[in-house]
Amino acid sequence: MNAETDSEVDAITLEIMRNQFESVAEEMGQVLITSSYSPNIKERRDCSTALFDADGRLVAQAEHIPVHLGAMPEAVQTVLGYDPKPGDVFVLNDPFEGGTHLPDVTMVSPLSLDGEILGFVVSRAHHADVGGMAPGSMPAGAREIYQEGLRLPPVRLVEGGEVNDDVMSVLLANVRNPGERRADIRAQIAANERAEERLGDLVEEHGKPQVVAAFDAVMAYSRDRVTAELRALPDGEYHARDVLEGDGVTDEDIPIEVTVSTDGETVAVDFDGTAPQVAGNVNAPLAVAKSAVYFVVRCVTDPEIPPNQGCYDPITVSVPEGTLLNPNAPAAVVGGNVETSQRVTDVVFTALAEAAPDRVPAQGQGTMNNLTIGSRAGGSEGFTYYETIGGGFGGRASGDGMDGVQVGMTNTLNTPIEALEAEYPLFVEEYSLRENSGGRGRYRGGLGIVRSVTIEADATVSLLTERRRVAPKGIAGGEDGATGQNLVDGESVPAKTTRDVLAGTTVTVRTPGGGGHGTPEDRSTADKERDAEDGKVKR
């Protein structure tokens, strides 16, 4: 930001406009959530919204899903290459052209005033089905992206303010629940339209030059604060290694290696040594890997710094092409967004534990525990239920880990039992905290969850999960959390599996607990007594 721009926005105005930019993103999210039809968006809030400037730089975001938000800049940069015009809405989901995985459908709209594009808004939502080899479009064992669903490079869904019915028809012809998809797509369009209205209000209030200058100013503010935080980290190189538990095709461990270099005001993250891309669908697009790195750096600096491009400028991410975290098409990737992103988070946290010991917790559950249940019937007769299930958060230097929460790259709610049973032919047998699943320590790891569901119709079940063999690690002498387990009618099944089941089948997911922080011997007497009373004594 140049001196002239800096002088145009005083500190008080900057704070006001920063809050207003964030309000635009938050209001977009509210429109999307309240207008959607599928429980995955309206109940679980598996969606994200954000505001960008005319150059495609992130200005403000709602407090939504980390893996969505950190990868959004790639979507806007890709759309910029398609010559966007005022009145357009681009739709995309192609992981090799700005997307993350196929169920995450992204809408990018130019924000214009008097024919001039001042910025962009983005809404991204996980749709319950986008076609592919299994209901819910989250199949285990997919070997290429074509098996995972409809693949959309950036295309104008709305052109000059009018919906392109041909594009909509192609999209709806390739999904199992077209009525639900249509409603959710229209909710995303409405969210983007609301943002354009709100930007017009801001321009009317502050004037166009002030708004554009404030875009630069909020990014500069965040950049300055992040670099100040990075100066406090000791310079050095920090290494870590972890594994994924197979790719759905084989059960062989898949290594992820990282070297994190801190040097004053910058952080360089290099994944050299990570496995080549694999046959199964745990490959993660580079945008997803970057998103996980951004999340960790924000956690070890000050999470209260306003999130925007300024936070990311001091960070570089290097991943060799053709590897697990930067695969070439047509690699299957649907599990990379949800599971591999979690392992990237774990391994970068582990690398930075020495540099920022007070900011790095023990490992949390390290998985999203993806459960998808759907029928092969289409239209109004079919159904598709998708959920990520919470688990244990790792113990922290300042306190116990949280029980039964989403960890790392996801930030969704659960599907309330009442909504789940009203919407789907499913019956919840058990939904409880999983006793003795958190690692003992001075500060214990959080408890996992038991989610047990009986399916009242013939269906296909897909599970994409992790931490079923390799436990979430404790830190500073803390014990490991418990591994997770998947069961179908009481029989243990692999971490990644897709199978057809008959009506009456019960699927149970026992999610991992968090690792403990510090040695158990250092736990206070009061905490030990409380643990004994509430049944949360850890192994």
Protein backbone atom coordinates (compact mmCIF):
# COMPACT_ATOMS: atom_id res chain seq x y z
CA MET A 1 0.00 0.00 0.00
CA ASN A 2 1.47 3.35 -1.00
CA ALA A 3 1.63 6.41 1.22
CA GLU A 4 -1.13 8.18 -0.69
CA THR A 5 -3.52 5.26 -0.14
CA ASP A 6 -2.49 5.01 3.51
CA SER A 7 -3.31 8.68 4.11
CA GLU A 8 -6.80 8.23 2.68
CA VAL A 9 -7.97 5.90 5.46
CA ASP A 10 -7.50 6.99 9.06
CA ALA A 11 -7.45 4.45 11.88
CA ILE A 12 -11.05 4.99 13.00
CA THR A 13 -12.44 4.79 9.47
CA LEU A 14 -10.32 1.69 8.82
CA GLU A 15 -11.82 -0.10 11.82
CA ILE A 16 -15.35 0.88 10.81
CA MET A 17 -14.92 -0.27 7.23
CA ARG A 18 -13.13 -3.48 8.21
CA ASN A 19 -16.13 -4.39 10.33
CA GLN A 20 -18.45 -3.48 7.47
CA PHE A 21 -16.52 -5.68 5.03
CA GLU A 22 -16.78 -8.58 7.46
CA SER A 23 -20.49 -7.86 7.84
CA VAL A 24 -20.92 -8.20 4.07
CA ALA A 25 -19.40 -11.69 4.19
CA GLU A 26 -21.41 -12.66 7.28
CA GLU A 27 -24.66 -11.43 5.76
CA MET A 28 -23.94 -13.43 2.61
CA GLY A 29 -23.56 -16.49 4.80
CA GLN A 30 -26.84 -15.87 6.57
CA VAL A 31 -28.69 -15.55 3.26
CA LEU A 32 -27.13 -18.80 2.03
CA ILE A 33 -27.89 -20.74 5.22
CA THR A 34 -31.47 -19.53 5.64
CA SER A 35 -32.33 -19.92 1.94
CA SER A 36 -30.88 -23.41 1.43
CA TYR A 37 -32.95 -26.56 1.35
CA SER A 38 -30.47 -29.33 2.22
CA PRO A 39 -29.75 -30.00 5.90
CA ASN A 40 -26.05 -30.10 5.06
CA ILE A 41 -26.12 -26.35 4.46
CA LYS A 42 -29.07 -25.08 6.49
CA GLU A 43 -28.36 -27.20 9.60
CA ARG A 44 -24.65 -28.11 9.49
CA ARG A 45 -23.65 -24.85 7.79
CA ASP A 46 -21.13 -26.58 5.55
CA CYS A 47 -20.59 -23.41 3.54
CA SER A 48 -18.37 -20.32 3.43
CA THR A 49 -18.53 -16.77 2.08
CA ALA A 50 -15.91 -14.09 1.46
CA LEU A 51 -15.19 -10.71 -0.15
CA PHE A 52 -12.28 -10.02 -2.53
CA ASP A 53 -10.90 -6.92 -4.25
CA ALA A 54 -10.73 -6.41 -8.02
CA ASP A 55 -7.32 -8.13 -8.16
CA GLY A 56 -8.69 -11.25 -6.50
CA ARG A 57 -7.14 -10.65 -3.08
CA LEU A 58 -9.08 -11.71 0.00
CA VAL A 59 -10.45 -8.69 1.91
CA ALA A 60 -12.79 -10.26 4.47
CA GLN A 61 -14.44 -13.57 5.26
CA ALA A 62 -17.20 -14.95 7.45
CA GLU A 63 -16.28 -17.28 10.32
CA HIS A 64 -16.98 -20.43 8.36
CA ILE A 65 -14.90 -23.43 7.14
CA PRO A 66 -11.07 -23.11 7.17
CA VAL A 67 -10.48 -25.53 4.29
CA HIS A 68 -12.98 -23.59 2.14
CA LEU A 69 -11.72 -20.14 2.98
CA GLY A 70 -7.96 -20.59 2.63
CA ALA A 71 -8.45 -22.15 -0.81
CA MET A 72 -10.90 -19.53 -2.14
CA PRO A 73 -8.27 -17.16 -3.60
CA GLU A 74 -7.42 -19.85 -6.19
CA ALA A 75 -11.04 -19.80 -7.38
CA VAL A 76 -11.07 -16.04 -7.88
CA GLN A 77 -7.70 -16.03 -9.63
CA THR A 78 -8.97 -18.73 -12.00
CA VAL A 79 -12.17 -16.83 -12.79
CA LEU A 80 -10.13 -13.71 -13.55
CA GLY A 81 -8.76 -15.61 -16.55
CA TYR A 82 -12.30 -16.03 -17.95
CA ASP A 83 -12.94 -12.29 -18.49
CA PRO A 84 -15.72 -11.78 -15.92
CA LYS A 85 -18.27 -9.06 -16.66
CA PRO A 86 -20.75 -7.18 -14.45
CA GLY A 87 -23.87 -9.26 -13.91
CA ASP A 88 -22.03 -12.60 -14.23
CA VAL A 89 -22.00 -15.44 -11.72
CA PHE A 90 -19.44 -18.14 -12.40
CA VAL A 91 -19.97 -21.65 -11.04
CA LEU A 92 -17.10 -24.11 -10.62
CA ASN A 93 -16.02 -27.16 -8.66
CA ASP A 94 -13.07 -28.51 -10.67
CA PRO A 95 -10.16 -29.06 -8.22
CA PHE A 96 -7.73 -28.45 -11.05
CA GLU A 97 -9.32 -25.09 -11.94
CA GLY A 98 -9.93 -23.27 -8.69
CA GLY A 99 -11.99 -25.82 -6.76
CA THR A 100 -11.24 -28.10 -3.81
CA HIS A 101 -13.29 -31.26 -4.32
CA LEU A 102 -16.35 -31.81 -6.46
CA PRO A 103 -19.09 -31.56 -3.77
CA ASP A 104 -17.86 -28.04 -2.92
CA VAL A 105 -19.70 -25.96 -5.52
CA THR A 106 -18.31 -22.42 -5.74
CA MET A 107 -20.00 -19.27 -7.04
CA VAL A 108 -17.84 -16.25 -7.96
CA SER A 109 -19.52 -12.93 -8.79
CA PRO A 110 -17.98 -9.63 -9.85
CA LEU A 111 -19.11 -6.68 -7.72
CA SER A 112 -19.71 -3.77 -10.05
CA LEU A 113 -20.72 -0.13 -9.86
CA ASP A 114 -21.58 1.85 -12.98
CA GLY A 115 -20.10 -0.93 -15.11
CA GLU A 116 -16.78 -1.03 -13.21
CA ILE A 117 -15.75 -4.14 -11.28
CA LEU A 118 -14.72 -3.13 -7.74
CA GLY A 119 -14.30 -6.61 -6.33
CA PHE A 120 -15.63 -10.15 -6.16
CA VAL A 121 -17.68 -12.22 -3.75
CA VAL A 122 -17.49 -15.97 -3.33
CA SER A 123 -19.87 -18.50 -1.84
CA ARG A 124 -18.78 -22.11 -1.48
CA ALA A 125 -21.12 -24.86 -0.25
CA HIS A 126 -20.80 -28.61 0.12
CA HIS A 127 -23.68 -30.08 -1.89
CA ALA A 128 -25.09 -33.40 -0.71
CA ASP A 129 -24.68 -34.98 -4.16
CA VAL A 130 -22.98 -34.00 -7.41
CA GLY A 131 -23.20 -37.35 -9.17
CA GLY A 132 -20.45 -39.93 -9.49
CA MET A 133 -20.17 -43.61 -8.63
CA ALA A 134 -21.87 -43.46 -5.20
CA PRO A 135 -24.68 -41.43 -3.64
CA GLY A 136 -23.27 -38.39 -1.88
CA SER A 137 -20.26 -38.16 -4.20
CA MET A 138 -17.82 -39.16 -1.43
CA PRO A 139 -16.90 -42.70 -2.54
CA ALA A 140 -14.06 -44.67 -1.04
CA GLY A 141 -11.88 -46.39 -3.62
CA ALA A 142 -12.36 -43.94 -6.50
CA ARG A 143 -9.29 -44.04 -8.78
CA GLU A 144 -9.98 -40.99 -10.96
CA ILE A 145 -11.92 -37.78 -10.60
CA TYR A 146 -14.52 -38.85 -13.16
CA GLN A 147 -15.84 -41.36 -10.62
CA GLU A 148 -16.41 -38.64 -8.04
CA GLY A 149 -19.09 -36.61 -9.80
CA LEU A 150 -19.83 -33.82 -12.26
CA ARG A 151 -16.73 -31.72 -12.93
CA LEU A 152 -17.32 -28.03 -13.67
CA PRO A 153 -14.56 -25.70 -14.84
CA PRO A 154 -15.53 -22.03 -14.38
CA VAL A 155 -18.64 -21.37 -16.48
CA ARG A 156 -21.19 -18.54 -16.48
CA LEU A 157 -24.28 -19.77 -14.66
CA VAL A 158 -25.62 -16.22 -14.69
CA GLU A 159 -24.76 -13.92 -17.58
CA GLY A 160 -25.78 -10.28 -17.63
CA GLY A 161 -28.09 -10.90 -14.70
CA GLU A 162 -29.96 -13.83 -16.35
CA VAL A 163 -29.61 -17.49 -15.34
CA ASN A 164 -28.25 -19.64 -18.17
CA ASP A 165 -30.87 -22.38 -18.30
CA ASP A 166 -28.66 -24.61 -20.47
CA VAL A 167 -25.89 -24.68 -17.86
CA MET A 168 -28.42 -25.27 -15.09
CA SER A 169 -29.98 -28.14 -17.04
CA VAL A 170 -26.64 -29.87 -17.55
CA LEU A 171 -25.80 -29.50 -13.88
CA LEU A 172 -29.15 -30.85 -12.65
CA ALA A 173 -29.11 -33.74 -15.12
CA ASN A 174 -25.99 -35.12 -13.44
CA VAL A 175 -27.07 -35.20 -9.79
CA ARG A 176 -29.32 -37.54 -7.81
CA ASN A 177 -31.44 -34.90 -6.07
CA PRO A 178 -32.02 -32.19 -8.70
CA GLY A 179 -34.77 -30.37 -6.78
CA GLU A 180 -32.56 -29.98 -3.72
CA ARG A 181 -29.57 -28.99 -5.84
CA ARG A 182 -31.57 -26.33 -7.68
CA ALA A 183 -32.71 -24.81 -4.39
CA ASP A 184 -29.20 -24.75 -2.92
CA ILE A 185 -27.72 -23.28 -6.10
CA ARG A 186 -30.30 -20.50 -6.07
CA ALA A 187 -29.47 -19.84 -2.43
CA GLN A 188 -25.83 -19.31 -3.40
CA ILE A 189 -26.81 -16.93 -6.19
CA ALA A 190 -29.00 -15.00 -3.75
CA ALA A 191 -26.13 -14.75 -1.27
CA ASN A 192 -23.85 -13.27 -3.93
CA GLU A 193 -26.56 -10.82 -5.00
CA ARG A 194 -26.97 -9.64 -1.42
CA ALA A 195 -23.26 -8.82 -1.27
CA GLU A 196 -23.51 -6.61 -4.35
CA GLU A 197 -26.38 -4.70 -2.74
CA ARG A 198 -24.36 -4.25 0.45
CA LEU A 199 -21.29 -3.05 -1.44
CA GLY A 200 -23.47 -0.46 -3.13
CA ASP A 201 -24.55 0.72 0.32
CA LEU A 202 -20.90 1.05 1.42
CA VAL A 203 -19.98 3.04 -1.68
CA GLU A 204 -22.93 5.34 -1.10
CA GLU A 205 -21.87 5.84 2.53
CA HIS A 206 -18.11 6.25 2.08
CA GLY A 207 -17.51 6.91 -1.62
CA LYS A 208 -15.81 4.60 -4.11
CA PRO A 209 -12.23 5.89 -3.60
CA GLN A 210 -12.51 5.37 0.15
CA VAL A 211 -13.86 1.82 -0.22
CA VAL A 212 -11.12 0.82 -2.66
CA ALA A 213 -8.46 2.38 -0.45
CA ALA A 214 -9.86 0.53 2.55
CA PHE A 215 -9.46 -2.78 0.71
CA ASP A 216 -5.70 -2.12 0.60
CA ALA A 217 -5.61 -0.74 4.13
CA VAL A 218 -7.22 -3.74 5.84
CA MET A 219 -4.78 -6.10 4.12
CA ALA A 220 -1.81 -3.94 5.11
CA TYR A 221 -3.05 -3.88 8.70
CA SER A 222 -3.23 -7.67 8.91
CA ARG A 223 0.11 -8.09 7.15
CA ASP A 224 1.82 -5.82 9.66
CA ARG A 225 0.33 -7.65 12.61
CA VAL A 226 1.24 -11.10 11.28
CA THR A 227 4.83 -10.12 10.52
CA ALA A 228 5.14 -8.65 14.00
CA GLU A 229 4.01 -12.00 15.43
CA LEU A 230 6.44 -13.92 13.23
CA ARG A 231 9.35 -11.88 14.56
CA ALA A 232 8.70 -13.45 17.97
CA LEU A 233 9.27 -16.98 16.64
CA PRO A 234 12.86 -18.23 16.84
CA ASP A 235 14.56 -18.50 13.46
CA GLY A 236 15.26 -22.04 12.36
CA GLU A 237 14.23 -25.11 10.39
CA TYR A 238 11.69 -27.47 11.90
CA HIS A 239 10.85 -30.90 10.53
CA ALA A 240 7.96 -33.32 10.98
CA ARG A 241 6.52 -36.44 9.40
CA ASP A 242 3.15 -38.17 9.65
CA VAL A 243 1.12 -40.64 7.59
CA LEU A 244 -2.30 -41.19 6.08
CA GLU A 245 -3.77 -44.63 6.71
CA GLY A 246 -4.17 -45.76 3.12
CA ASP A 247 -5.99 -44.26 0.16
CA GLY A 248 -9.08 -46.45 -0.11
CA VAL A 249 -7.40 -48.64 -2.72
CA THR A 250 -4.64 -50.00 -0.47
CA ASP A 251 -4.05 -49.77 3.27
CA GLU A 252 -0.39 -48.79 2.94
CA ASP A 253 0.71 -45.76 4.95
CA ILE A 254 1.24 -42.61 2.88
CA PRO A 255 3.91 -40.26 4.27
CA ILE A 256 3.61 -36.50 4.50
CA GLU A 257 6.87 -34.69 5.29
CA VAL A 258 7.41 -31.01 5.94
CA THR A 259 10.20 -28.56 6.65
CA VAL A 260 9.11 -25.23 8.11
CA SER A 261 11.66 -22.43 7.97
CA THR A 262 11.16 -19.28 10.02
CA ASP A 263 13.27 -16.26 9.22
CA GLY A 264 12.28 -13.04 10.91
CA GLU A 265 9.09 -11.95 9.21
CA THR A 266 8.44 -14.90 6.87
CA VAL A 267 7.56 -18.58 7.02
CA ALA A 268 8.52 -21.03 4.27
CA VAL A 269 6.80 -24.41 4.25
CA ASP A 270 8.29 -27.14 2.03
CA PHE A 271 6.66 -30.55 1.56
CA ASP A 272 9.59 -32.16 -0.24
CA GLY A 273 9.67 -35.84 0.75
CA THR A 274 5.88 -36.22 0.70
CA ALA A 275 4.58 -39.27 -1.20
CA PRO A 276 3.85 -39.15 -4.92
CA GLN A 277 0.18 -38.86 -5.83
CA VAL A 278 -1.69 -42.08 -5.12
CA ALA A 279 -4.25 -44.25 -6.90
CA GLY A 280 -7.03 -43.53 -4.40
CA ASN A 281 -8.84 -40.30 -3.62
CA VAL A 282 -6.81 -38.82 -0.77
CA ASN A 283 -4.79 -36.63 -3.12
CA ALA A 284 -5.24 -32.96 -2.19
CA PRO A 285 -5.08 -30.04 -4.64
CA LEU A 286 -2.36 -27.50 -3.90
CA ALA A 287 -5.00 -24.95 -2.83
CA VAL A 288 -6.10 -27.32 -0.07
CA ALA A 289 -2.53 -27.83 1.15
CA LYS A 290 -2.01 -24.06 1.22
CA SER A 291 -5.25 -23.59 3.12
CA ALA A 292 -4.10 -26.01 5.84
CA VAL A 293 -0.76 -24.20 6.16
CA TYR A 294 -2.47 -20.80 6.40
CA PHE A 295 -4.71 -22.13 9.16
CA VAL A 296 -1.76 -23.35 11.25
CA VAL A 297 0.22 -20.12 10.88
CA ARG A 298 -2.83 -18.13 11.96
CA CYS A 299 -3.16 -20.37 15.03
CA VAL A 300 0.47 -19.96 16.12
CA THR A 301 0.37 -16.20 15.62
CA ASP A 302 -2.66 -14.26 16.84
CA PRO A 303 -5.96 -15.80 15.67
CA GLU A 304 -7.70 -12.48 16.34
CA ILE A 305 -5.86 -10.77 13.47
CA PRO A 306 -8.47 -10.04 10.77
CA PRO A 307 -8.15 -12.82 8.17
CA ASN A 308 -7.35 -11.60 4.67
CA GLN A 309 -4.62 -11.71 2.03
CA GLY A 310 -2.31 -9.74 4.29
CA CYS A 311 -2.13 -12.72 6.66
CA TYR A 312 -0.99 -14.97 3.81
CA ASP A 313 1.59 -12.68 2.18
CA PRO A 314 4.46 -13.65 4.55
CA ILE A 315 3.87 -17.38 3.91
CA THR A 316 5.26 -19.44 1.05
CA VAL A 317 4.26 -23.04 0.36
CA SER A 318 6.32 -25.34 -1.86
CA VAL A 319 5.03 -28.74 -3.02
CA PRO A 320 6.60 -30.82 -5.81
CA GLU A 321 4.24 -31.39 -8.73
CA GLY A 322 2.75 -34.83 -9.08
CA THR A 323 2.74 -35.52 -5.37
CA LEU A 324 -0.01 -36.18 -2.83
CA LEU A 325 -0.42 -32.44 -2.15
CA ASN A 326 -0.08 -31.21 -5.72
CA PRO A 327 -1.49 -33.97 -7.94
CA ASN A 328 -1.95 -33.95 -11.68
CA ALA A 329 -5.35 -34.52 -13.29
CA PRO A 330 -7.27 -36.76 -13.42
CA ALA A 331 -6.30 -37.74 -9.87
CA ALA A 332 -9.15 -38.56 -7.49
CA VAL A 333 -9.24 -35.95 -4.72
CA VAL A 334 -12.51 -36.00 -2.79
CA GLY A 335 -10.87 -37.34 0.38
CA GLY A 336 -7.94 -34.95 0.11
CA ASN A 337 -10.09 -31.96 0.96
CA VAL A 338 -11.53 -33.55 4.10
CA GLU A 339 -8.90 -36.01 5.39
CA THR A 340 -5.51 -35.10 3.91
CA SER A 341 -6.05 -31.46 4.87
CA GLN A 342 -6.35 -32.61 8.48
CA ARG A 343 -3.06 -34.49 8.31
CA VAL A 344 -1.31 -31.48 6.76
CA THR A 345 -2.58 -29.45 9.70
CA ASP A 346 -1.21 -32.03 12.15
CA VAL A 347 2.20 -32.28 10.55
CA VAL A 348 2.74 -28.50 10.29
CA PHE A 349 1.63 -28.05 13.90
CA THR A 350 4.09 -30.76 14.95
CA ALA A 351 6.91 -29.02 13.08
CA LEU A 352 6.15 -25.72 14.81
CA ALA A 353 5.76 -27.19 18.31
CA GLU A 354 9.38 -26.39 19.18
CA ALA A 355 9.11 -22.82 17.88
CA ALA A 356 5.77 -22.03 19.54
CA PRO A 357 5.25 -24.54 22.38
CA ASP A 358 2.57 -22.50 24.14
CA ARG A 359 0.49 -22.20 20.96
CA VAL A 360 0.63 -25.81 19.70
CA PRO A 361 -1.82 -28.28 21.29
CA ALA A 362 -1.56 -32.04 21.38
CA GLN A 363 -3.00 -33.64 18.28
CA GLY A 364 -6.77 -33.61 17.99
CA GLN A 365 -8.79 -36.31 16.31
CA GLY A 366 -7.19 -35.46 12.93
CA THR A 367 -10.14 -36.57 10.81
CA MET A 368 -13.55 -35.32 9.74
CA ASN A 369 -15.12 -38.80 10.07
CA ASN A 370 -17.07 -38.43 6.83
CA LEU A 371 -20.26 -40.49 6.81
CA THR A 372 -22.45 -40.52 3.70
CA ILE A 373 -25.65 -42.54 3.37
CA GLY A 374 -27.75 -42.36 0.25
CA SER A 375 -30.16 -44.21 -1.99
CA ARG A 376 -29.57 -44.90 -5.64
CA ALA A 377 -33.08 -43.70 -6.50
CA GLY A 378 -33.18 -40.23 -7.98
CA GLY A 379 -35.55 -37.30 -7.83
CA SER A 380 -38.01 -36.95 -4.96
CA GLU A 381 -37.71 -40.65 -4.06
CA GLY A 382 -34.02 -40.50 -3.33
CA PHE A 383 -32.10 -39.16 -0.36
CA THR A 384 -28.51 -38.30 0.47
CA TYR A 385 -27.29 -37.68 4.00
CA TYR A 386 -23.76 -36.41 4.60
CA GLU A 387 -22.12 -35.50 7.87
CA THR A 388 -18.73 -34.88 9.39
CA ILE A 389 -18.62 -36.05 12.99
CA GLY A 390 -16.76 -34.27 15.79
CA GLY A 391 -14.21 -35.79 18.14
CA GLY A 392 -11.59 -34.89 20.69
CA PHE A 393 -9.54 -31.68 20.63
CA GLY A 394 -5.98 -32.04 21.91
CA GLY A 395 -4.96 -30.89 25.36
CA ARG A 396 -3.49 -27.38 25.40
CA ALA A 397 -0.77 -25.67 27.41
CA SER A 398 -3.51 -23.74 29.20
CA GLY A 399 -6.27 -26.30 29.66
CA ASP A 400 -8.02 -29.54 28.74
CA GLY A 401 -8.99 -30.32 25.19
CA MET A 402 -12.62 -29.85 24.24
CA ASP A 403 -14.96 -32.83 23.97
CA GLY A 404 -16.89 -33.75 20.83
CA VAL A 405 -15.98 -30.82 18.59
CA GLN A 406 -14.93 -30.32 15.00
CA VAL A 407 -11.16 -30.05 14.81
CA GLY A 408 -8.74 -28.44 12.37
CA MET A 409 -9.94 -27.69 8.86
CA THR A 410 -13.66 -28.05 9.47
CA ASN A 411 -15.98 -25.83 11.46
CA THR A 412 -19.43 -27.26 10.82
CA LEU A 413 -22.25 -27.93 13.22
CA ASN A 414 -23.84 -31.36 13.61
CA THR A 415 -27.15 -32.37 12.10
CA PRO A 416 -29.66 -32.22 14.97
CA ILE A 417 -31.29 -35.59 15.58
CA GLU A 418 -34.74 -34.10 15.08
CA ALA A 419 -33.80 -32.69 11.66
CA LEU A 420 -31.97 -35.84 10.63
CA GLU A 421 -34.86 -38.18 11.46
CA ALA A 422 -37.45 -35.85 9.92
CA GLU A 423 -35.54 -35.46 6.66
CA TYR A 424 -34.16 -38.97 6.05
CA PRO A 425 -35.15 -42.64 6.60
CA LEU A 426 -32.64 -42.80 9.46
CA PHE A 427 -32.99 -43.44 13.18
CA VAL A 428 -30.32 -42.35 15.66
CA GLU A 429 -29.61 -45.17 18.12
CA GLU A 430 -26.87 -43.38 20.05
CA TYR A 431 -25.21 -39.99 20.07
CA SER A 432 -22.90 -39.62 23.04
CA LEU A 433 -19.44 -38.73 24.23
CA ARG A 434 -17.02 -41.64 24.08
CA GLU A 435 -15.70 -42.34 27.57
CA ASN A 436 -11.97 -42.90 28.12
CA SER A 437 -11.09 -41.77 24.60
CA GLY A 438 -8.96 -38.72 25.43
CA GLY A 439 -5.27 -39.00 26.32
CA ARG A 440 -4.26 -38.41 29.92
CA GLY A 441 -1.93 -35.54 30.72
CA ARG A 442 -1.56 -32.50 32.88
CA TYR A 443 -4.30 -31.31 30.58
CA ARG A 444 -6.34 -34.17 29.19
CA GLY A 445 -7.36 -34.66 25.59
CA GLY A 446 -10.97 -34.14 24.61
CA LEU A 447 -13.38 -37.03 24.23
CA GLY A 448 -14.52 -38.49 20.94
CA ILE A 449 -18.13 -39.17 19.96
CA VAL A 450 -20.25 -42.27 19.34
CA ARG A 451 -22.75 -41.75 16.50
CA SER A 452 -24.89 -44.81 15.73
CA VAL A 453 -27.55 -44.66 12.99
CA THR A 454 -29.98 -47.31 11.74
CA ILE A 455 -30.87 -47.03 8.05
CA GLU A 456 -34.55 -47.70 7.34
CA ALA A 457 -34.18 -48.20 3.57
CA ASP A 458 -31.79 -49.97 1.23
CA ALA A 459 -28.83 -47.62 0.77
CA THR A 460 -25.17 -47.12 -0.01
CA VAL A 461 -22.83 -46.19 2.84
CA SER A 462 -19.51 -44.42 2.32
CA LEU A 463 -16.97 -43.79 5.07
CA LEU A 464 -13.85 -41.65 4.63
CA THR A 465 -12.03 -41.53 7.96
CA GLU A 466 -8.57 -41.46 9.52
CA ARG A 467 -6.84 -42.12 12.86
CA ARG A 468 -8.13 -45.69 12.94
CA ARG A 469 -4.61 -47.15 13.27
CA VAL A 470 -2.34 -44.25 14.22
CA ALA A 471 -3.46 -42.54 17.42
CA PRO A 472 -3.57 -38.74 17.90
CA LYS A 473 -0.27 -37.97 19.62
CA GLY A 474 0.10 -36.43 23.04
CA ILE A 475 2.65 -33.68 23.60
CA ALA A 476 5.12 -32.76 26.35
CA GLY A 477 4.68 -36.17 28.00
CA GLY A 478 0.92 -36.45 27.46
CA GLU A 479 -0.60 -39.76 26.44
CA ASP A 480 -2.10 -40.45 23.03
CA GLY A 481 -5.82 -40.23 22.39
CA ALA A 482 -7.83 -43.30 21.41
CA THR A 483 -8.07 -44.32 17.76
CA GLY A 484 -11.45 -44.30 16.06
CA GLN A 485 -13.51 -47.23 14.83
CA ASN A 486 -16.18 -47.80 12.18
CA LEU A 487 -18.76 -50.57 12.48
CA VAL A 488 -21.55 -51.90 10.29
CA ASP A 489 -23.97 -54.06 12.30
CA GLY A 490 -21.28 -54.40 14.95
CA GLU A 491 -18.59 -55.59 12.53
CA SER A 492 -15.48 -53.44 12.22
CA VAL A 493 -14.97 -52.09 8.70
CA PRO A 494 -12.02 -50.26 7.09
CA ALA A 495 -11.35 -46.57 7.58
CA LYS A 496 -12.30 -45.96 3.96
CA THR A 497 -15.09 -48.05 2.55
CA THR A 498 -18.19 -47.90 0.33
CA ARG A 499 -20.78 -50.66 0.47
CA ASP A 500 -24.42 -51.32 -0.28
CA VAL A 501 -26.55 -52.22 2.74
CA LEU A 502 -30.10 -53.41 3.35
CA ALA A 503 -32.80 -51.67 5.35
CA GLY A 504 -32.28 -52.24 9.06
CA THR A 505 -28.49 -51.91 8.93
CA THR A 506 -26.86 -49.96 11.76
CA VAL A 507 -23.74 -47.90 11.13
CA THR A 508 -21.67 -46.79 14.12
CA VAL A 509 -18.80 -44.31 14.08
CA ARG A 510 -16.61 -44.01 17.17
CA THR A 511 -14.43 -40.98 16.68
CA PRO A 512 -10.89 -40.50 18.03
CA GLY A 513 -10.07 -38.62 21.22
CA GLY A 514 -7.46 -35.89 21.57
CA GLY A 515 -3.95 -36.37 22.87
CA GLY A 516 -2.96 -35.20 26.34
CA HIS A 517 -0.69 -32.22 27.10
CA GLY A 518 1.99 -32.65 29.79
CA THR A 519 2.57 -35.65 32.04
CA PRO A 520 -0.43 -37.14 33.88
CA GLU A 521 1.48 -36.90 37.16
CA ASP A 522 1.33 -33.11 36.91
CA ARG A 523 -2.46 -33.04 36.77
CA SER A 524 -3.92 -31.22 39.74
CA THR A 525 -5.71 -33.07 42.52
CA ALA A 526 -8.88 -31.07 41.86
CA ASP A 527 -8.86 -32.04 38.20
CA LYS A 528 -8.32 -35.71 39.04
CA GLU A 529 -11.25 -35.65 41.45
CA ARG A 530 -13.47 -33.98 38.86
CA ASP A 531 -12.44 -36.56 36.26
CA ALA A 532 -13.37 -39.39 38.58
CA GLU A 533 -16.77 -37.84 39.29
CA ASP A 534 -17.79 -37.31 35.67
CA GLY A 535 -16.42 -40.59 34.34
CA LYS A 536 -13.77 -39.02 32.13
CA VAL A 537 -10.68 -40.69 33.59
CA LYS A 538 -8.35 -41.39 30.69
CA ARG A 539 -6.32 -44.46 29.98
